[in-house]
Amino acid sequence: MSRRKRHGFTLVELLVVIGIIAILISILLPSLTAAKRSGNTIKCLSNLRQVGQAFAMYAQEYKNVYPVAVHDLTATHIKIGAERRWYDLLGEYVTNRKFATSTDIAKIRRQSVIWGCPEWSKSEEFNPTSTTDKLRPGYGMQYYPTYFQDFDLSNLAYVTAGRGKYIKADRWTKPDRRGLVADSITHILGTPAPGTFGPPPTGKWFPYDYNFMTTGAIPAGTFYVDAGRHGRRTMSKEQSWRANCINMLFCDGHAQTVSVREAYIAIAHPGEDKLPDRPYGGG
């Protein structure tokens, strides 16, 4: 009895199989990437809520006041031994140690929700010898609890030469609508004044108008949010104005993903929809 000969794949068959695998990868890869980013967004929101709990614990211990975004050494009306920032003031409530300066917080970078956004590029590219990297954890705190209502510089939660103070938690009004901390490439959420900020081309925000990796100065009038964090990779600046792309912690402790427009409203005039859909001056 003769045995049947076993034949391997022909070259044509092998190429067909490779082609099918390549097609499947091209179909599945975007979905897997999107699923990973969606998971990172959820993780980031969870970490922001824990940051919100740290704000509440700080307020409980310090006579119902929130930490300031920055307490600068130039402040003489409220003296301090070393520069402090919101994240190292909160550090002891998210870990088991106190921090003496704003750069000390970097010591617990990989174990802390302060660096809580896995989509923040510096989570992996962190340079331990860079002071800038130590001071930018991927989240920024806004410091205008009442400023856009009373335009009183003394009511800024940013203590520097001759102005600013620690603001009581209940002075951060409309807590369910007032943003407190959000995705940012800086430690603060600098916010342009009403009437100077709007949709493209008027408004400026990251990453469309400033590349922090190569540019030294931030353009005047820039809103310090990072709109490239949680939106679609192909999202344009115009789309980020309306589409959810920024994770934000609100004063009542909840966190959600918002658009650039919503983030600005949550800081400048929470609960009041005063921004136009078109650039200022028409167009």
Protein backbone atom coordinates (compact mmCIF):
# COMPACT_ATOMS: atom_id res chain seq x y z
CA MET A 1 0.00 0.00 0.00
CA SER A 2 1.45 3.34 -0.96
CA ARG A 3 1.49 6.15 1.55
CA ARG A 4 -0.02 9.50 0.73
CA LYS A 5 2.55 12.21 0.57
CA ARG A 6 2.09 15.10 2.96
CA HIS A 7 2.27 18.49 1.31
CA GLY A 8 3.11 21.75 3.09
CA PHE A 9 1.59 25.10 2.28
CA THR A 10 2.27 26.38 -1.15
CA LEU A 11 3.73 29.87 -1.46
CA VAL A 12 0.37 31.19 -2.64
CA GLU A 13 -1.46 29.64 0.32
CA LEU A 14 1.10 31.04 2.74
CA LEU A 15 0.74 34.52 1.27
CA VAL A 16 -3.06 34.28 1.58
CA VAL A 17 -2.79 33.33 5.26
CA ILE A 18 -0.35 36.18 5.93
CA GLY A 19 -2.68 38.57 4.11
CA ILE A 20 -5.66 37.46 6.20
CA ILE A 21 -3.67 37.90 9.43
CA ALA A 22 -2.57 41.39 8.35
CA ILE A 23 -6.17 42.36 7.58
CA LEU A 24 -7.37 41.08 10.97
CA ILE A 25 -4.62 43.02 12.75
CA SER A 26 -5.51 46.22 10.89
CA ILE A 27 -9.15 45.74 11.90
CA LEU A 28 -8.57 44.81 15.54
CA LEU A 29 -5.64 47.08 16.44
CA PRO A 30 -7.60 50.37 16.45
CA SER A 31 -10.27 48.75 18.62
CA LEU A 32 -7.68 47.43 21.06
CA THR A 33 -5.96 50.82 21.19
CA ALA A 34 -9.27 52.57 21.77
CA ALA A 35 -10.18 50.08 24.52
CA LYS A 36 -6.84 50.69 26.24
CA ARG A 37 -7.29 54.46 26.12
CA SER A 38 -10.84 54.12 27.41
CA GLY A 39 -9.52 52.07 30.33
CA ASN A 40 -6.87 54.70 31.03
CA THR A 41 -9.52 57.42 31.02
CA ILE A 42 -11.53 55.50 33.62
CA LYS A 43 -8.41 54.97 35.75
CA CYS A 44 -7.57 58.67 35.53
CA LEU A 45 -11.11 59.62 36.65
CA SER A 46 -10.82 57.25 39.61
CA ASN A 47 -7.51 58.81 40.63
CA LEU A 48 -8.98 62.30 40.35
CA ARG A 49 -11.78 61.32 42.71
CA GLN A 50 -9.13 60.19 45.21
CA VAL A 51 -7.44 63.57 44.80
CA GLY A 52 -10.84 65.10 45.60
CA GLN A 53 -10.98 63.06 48.80
CA ALA A 54 -7.55 64.46 49.72
CA PHE A 55 -8.92 68.01 49.30
CA ALA A 56 -11.76 67.12 51.68
CA MET A 57 -9.37 65.64 54.27
CA TYR A 58 -7.13 68.70 54.06
CA ALA A 59 -10.15 70.93 54.66
CA GLN A 60 -11.19 68.87 57.68
CA GLU A 61 -7.77 69.34 59.27
CA TYR A 62 -7.21 73.00 58.36
CA LYS A 63 -10.37 74.77 59.49
CA ASN A 64 -12.34 74.09 56.31
CA VAL A 65 -9.90 75.71 53.88
CA TYR A 66 -8.61 74.21 50.65
CA PRO A 67 -4.90 74.19 49.78
CA VAL A 68 -3.70 76.87 47.40
CA ALA A 69 -2.42 76.15 43.92
CA VAL A 70 0.93 77.74 44.84
CA HIS A 71 2.34 79.31 48.01
CA ASP A 72 5.28 81.30 46.77
CA LEU A 73 8.31 82.40 48.79
CA THR A 74 7.70 85.99 47.70
CA ALA A 75 4.56 86.15 49.86
CA THR A 76 5.16 88.28 52.93
CA HIS A 77 1.58 88.50 54.22
CA ILE A 78 1.51 84.69 54.71
CA LYS A 79 5.08 83.53 55.20
CA ILE A 80 6.30 80.04 54.42
CA GLY A 81 9.70 78.36 54.69
CA ALA A 82 9.79 76.79 51.22
CA GLU A 83 7.65 76.98 48.11
CA ARG A 84 4.62 74.71 48.33
CA ARG A 85 2.13 73.65 45.69
CA TRP A 86 -1.27 72.03 45.89
CA TYR A 87 -0.01 68.51 45.29
CA ASP A 88 2.63 68.39 48.02
CA LEU A 89 0.17 70.06 50.43
CA LEU A 90 -2.16 67.14 49.67
CA GLY A 91 0.60 64.55 49.56
CA GLU A 92 0.24 63.30 53.12
CA TYR A 93 -3.42 62.45 52.45
CA VAL A 94 -2.66 60.14 49.54
CA THR A 95 0.43 58.54 51.09
CA ASN A 96 1.90 58.05 54.54
CA ARG A 97 4.48 60.84 54.55
CA LYS A 98 4.72 64.61 54.73
CA PHE A 99 6.49 66.75 52.16
CA ALA A 100 8.58 69.82 52.91
CA THR A 101 8.84 71.31 49.42
CA SER A 102 7.03 71.13 46.13
CA THR A 103 9.74 69.02 44.49
CA ASP A 104 9.71 66.37 47.23
CA ILE A 105 6.42 64.96 45.95
CA ALA A 106 8.28 63.43 42.98
CA LYS A 107 9.69 60.81 45.35
CA ILE A 108 6.37 58.97 45.38
CA ARG A 109 5.61 59.56 41.69
CA ARG A 110 5.01 55.94 40.69
CA GLN A 111 2.97 55.13 43.79
CA SER A 112 0.68 58.17 43.90
CA VAL A 113 -2.62 59.29 42.38
CA ILE A 114 -1.04 62.75 42.14
CA TRP A 115 0.57 61.43 38.93
CA GLY A 116 -2.70 59.64 38.30
CA CYS A 117 -3.20 59.91 34.54
CA PRO A 118 -1.70 56.99 32.60
CA GLU A 119 -2.14 59.02 29.40
CA TRP A 120 0.18 61.75 30.71
CA SER A 121 3.36 61.51 28.65
CA LYS A 122 5.60 62.33 31.60
CA SER A 123 4.39 59.22 33.39
CA GLU A 124 6.95 57.33 31.30
CA GLU A 125 9.28 60.10 30.09
CA PHE A 126 9.94 61.53 33.55
CA ASN A 127 13.42 63.00 34.02
CA PRO A 128 14.35 62.86 37.74
CA THR A 129 16.98 65.59 37.27
CA SER A 130 14.51 68.03 35.68
CA THR A 131 12.91 70.52 38.07
CA THR A 132 10.19 71.15 35.49
CA ASP A 133 9.29 67.46 35.38
CA LYS A 134 9.14 67.31 39.19
CA LEU A 135 6.71 70.22 39.26
CA ARG A 136 4.33 68.96 36.57
CA PRO A 137 2.41 65.85 37.63
CA GLY A 138 -0.05 65.95 34.71
CA TYR A 139 -2.82 67.69 36.64
CA GLY A 140 -3.31 71.40 37.27
CA MET A 141 -5.35 73.18 39.94
CA GLN A 142 -7.37 76.27 39.12
CA TYR A 143 -7.01 79.16 41.58
CA TYR A 144 -10.01 81.40 40.84
CA PRO A 145 -12.67 80.45 43.45
CA THR A 146 -14.46 83.82 43.20
CA TYR A 147 -12.23 85.91 40.92
CA PHE A 148 -14.41 85.80 37.81
CA GLN A 149 -17.35 87.00 39.89
CA ASP A 150 -15.66 89.77 41.93
CA PHE A 151 -12.32 90.28 40.09
CA ASP A 152 -10.66 90.64 43.49
CA LEU A 153 -7.03 89.53 43.25
CA SER A 154 -6.88 89.04 47.01
CA ASN A 155 -9.31 86.13 46.62
CA LEU A 156 -7.00 84.08 44.43
CA ALA A 157 -6.00 80.66 45.79
CA TYR A 158 -2.45 81.49 44.72
CA VAL A 159 -0.34 83.08 47.44
CA THR A 160 2.36 85.34 46.06
CA ALA A 161 3.78 88.82 46.75
CA GLY A 162 1.05 90.88 48.38
CA ARG A 163 -1.96 88.84 47.31
CA GLY A 164 -3.79 85.55 47.48
CA LYS A 165 -4.93 83.44 50.43
CA TYR A 166 -6.21 80.07 51.54
CA ILE A 167 -9.92 80.05 50.67
CA LYS A 168 -12.56 78.24 52.74
CA ALA A 169 -14.10 75.26 50.96
CA ASP A 170 -17.61 76.75 51.05
CA ARG A 171 -16.36 79.84 49.19
CA TRP A 172 -15.78 77.61 46.17
CA THR A 173 -19.46 78.02 45.29
CA LYS A 174 -21.55 75.81 42.98
CA PRO A 175 -19.30 72.84 43.86
CA ASP A 176 -21.09 70.37 41.57
CA ARG A 177 -20.35 72.63 38.59
CA ARG A 178 -17.10 74.34 39.58
CA GLY A 179 -13.98 72.61 38.25
CA LEU A 180 -11.03 72.29 40.62
CA VAL A 181 -8.33 70.08 39.05
CA ALA A 182 -7.99 68.89 35.44
CA ASP A 183 -5.60 67.43 32.88
CA SER A 184 -2.84 69.95 32.29
CA ILE A 185 0.81 69.97 31.31
CA THR A 186 1.46 72.57 34.01
CA HIS A 187 0.73 72.48 37.74
CA ILE A 188 -1.89 75.23 37.49
CA LEU A 189 -4.90 75.90 35.28
CA GLY A 190 -4.20 79.39 34.02
CA THR A 191 -7.49 80.67 32.60
CA PRO A 192 -7.94 83.64 30.21
CA ALA A 193 -10.40 86.36 31.21
CA PRO A 194 -13.97 86.27 29.88
CA GLY A 195 -14.29 88.14 26.62
CA THR A 196 -10.79 87.13 25.54
CA PHE A 197 -11.37 83.42 25.15
CA GLY A 198 -13.55 81.44 22.79
CA PRO A 199 -13.60 78.75 20.12
CA PRO A 200 -10.94 78.56 17.41
CA PRO A 201 -9.23 80.67 16.26
CA THR A 202 -9.64 82.94 19.31
CA GLY A 203 -8.88 80.44 22.07
CA LYS A 204 -5.51 78.81 22.67
CA TRP A 205 -5.01 75.52 24.52
CA PHE A 206 -2.75 72.48 24.64
CA PRO A 207 -1.56 70.68 22.59
CA TYR A 208 -2.60 72.73 19.58
CA ASP A 209 -0.99 76.08 20.44
CA TYR A 210 1.99 75.12 22.58
CA ASN A 211 4.48 72.26 22.50
CA PHE A 212 5.87 71.97 26.03
CA MET A 213 8.61 69.62 24.84
CA THR A 214 10.23 72.17 22.52
CA THR A 215 8.83 75.59 23.39
CA GLY A 216 9.89 77.64 26.37
CA ALA A 217 7.16 80.28 26.67
CA ILE A 218 3.43 79.72 26.89
CA PRO A 219 1.53 82.09 24.56
CA ALA A 220 -0.47 84.82 26.30
CA GLY A 221 -4.14 84.01 26.67
CA THR A 222 -3.60 80.23 26.69
CA PHE A 223 -6.01 78.02 28.64
CA TYR A 224 -3.76 75.54 30.43
CA VAL A 225 -5.82 72.39 29.89
CA ASP A 226 -4.45 69.41 27.96
CA ALA A 227 -7.04 68.61 25.31
CA GLY A 228 -4.87 65.92 23.74
CA ARG A 229 -5.22 63.55 26.68
CA HIS A 230 -8.48 61.60 26.42
CA GLY A 231 -10.02 62.45 23.07
CA ARG A 232 -9.57 60.63 19.80
CA ARG A 233 -6.00 60.64 18.51
CA THR A 234 -7.15 62.29 15.29
CA MET A 235 -9.21 64.97 17.05
CA SER A 236 -8.73 68.45 15.64
CA LYS A 237 -8.60 71.60 17.71
CA GLU A 238 -12.05 72.56 16.45
CA GLN A 239 -13.44 69.21 17.55
CA SER A 240 -11.86 69.44 21.01
CA TRP A 241 -13.90 72.59 21.65
CA ARG A 242 -17.04 70.46 21.84
CA ALA A 243 -15.90 66.84 22.24
CA ASN A 244 -15.05 65.18 25.57
CA CYS A 245 -11.26 65.12 25.88
CA ILE A 246 -10.30 66.45 29.35
CA ASN A 247 -10.77 64.76 32.72
CA MET A 248 -11.83 67.23 35.41
CA LEU A 249 -12.35 66.99 39.17
CA PHE A 250 -15.14 69.19 40.51
CA CYS A 251 -15.33 70.81 43.94
CA ASP A 252 -18.00 68.38 45.15
CA GLY A 253 -15.63 65.45 44.55
CA HIS A 254 -17.03 63.97 41.36
CA ALA A 255 -14.95 63.69 38.19
CA GLN A 256 -15.99 63.53 34.56
CA THR A 257 -14.66 63.92 31.03
CA VAL A 258 -15.46 67.30 29.50
CA SER A 259 -14.72 69.39 26.43
CA VAL A 260 -12.50 72.48 26.34
CA ARG A 261 -15.64 74.62 26.31
CA GLU A 262 -17.11 72.87 29.34
CA ALA A 263 -13.80 73.03 31.22
CA TYR A 264 -13.57 76.78 30.73
CA ILE A 265 -17.18 77.35 31.82
CA ALA A 266 -16.59 75.20 34.93
CA ILE A 267 -13.82 77.56 36.03
CA ALA A 268 -14.82 81.02 34.79
CA HIS A 269 -18.58 80.93 35.37
CA PRO A 270 -19.85 77.51 36.50
CA GLY A 271 -23.43 76.80 35.59
CA GLU A 272 -23.69 79.81 33.28
CA ASP A 273 -23.37 79.09 29.57
CA LYS A 274 -21.86 82.37 28.40
CA LEU A 275 -19.49 81.21 25.70
CA PRO A 276 -20.37 81.67 22.03
CA ASP A 277 -20.21 78.97 19.40
CA ARG A 278 -18.42 81.35 17.04
CA PRO A 279 -15.18 83.29 17.55
CA TYR A 280 -15.44 86.70 19.19
CA GLY A 281 -15.82 89.42 16.60
CA GLY A 282 -17.94 87.28 14.31
CA GLY A 283 -16.79 84.93 11.61
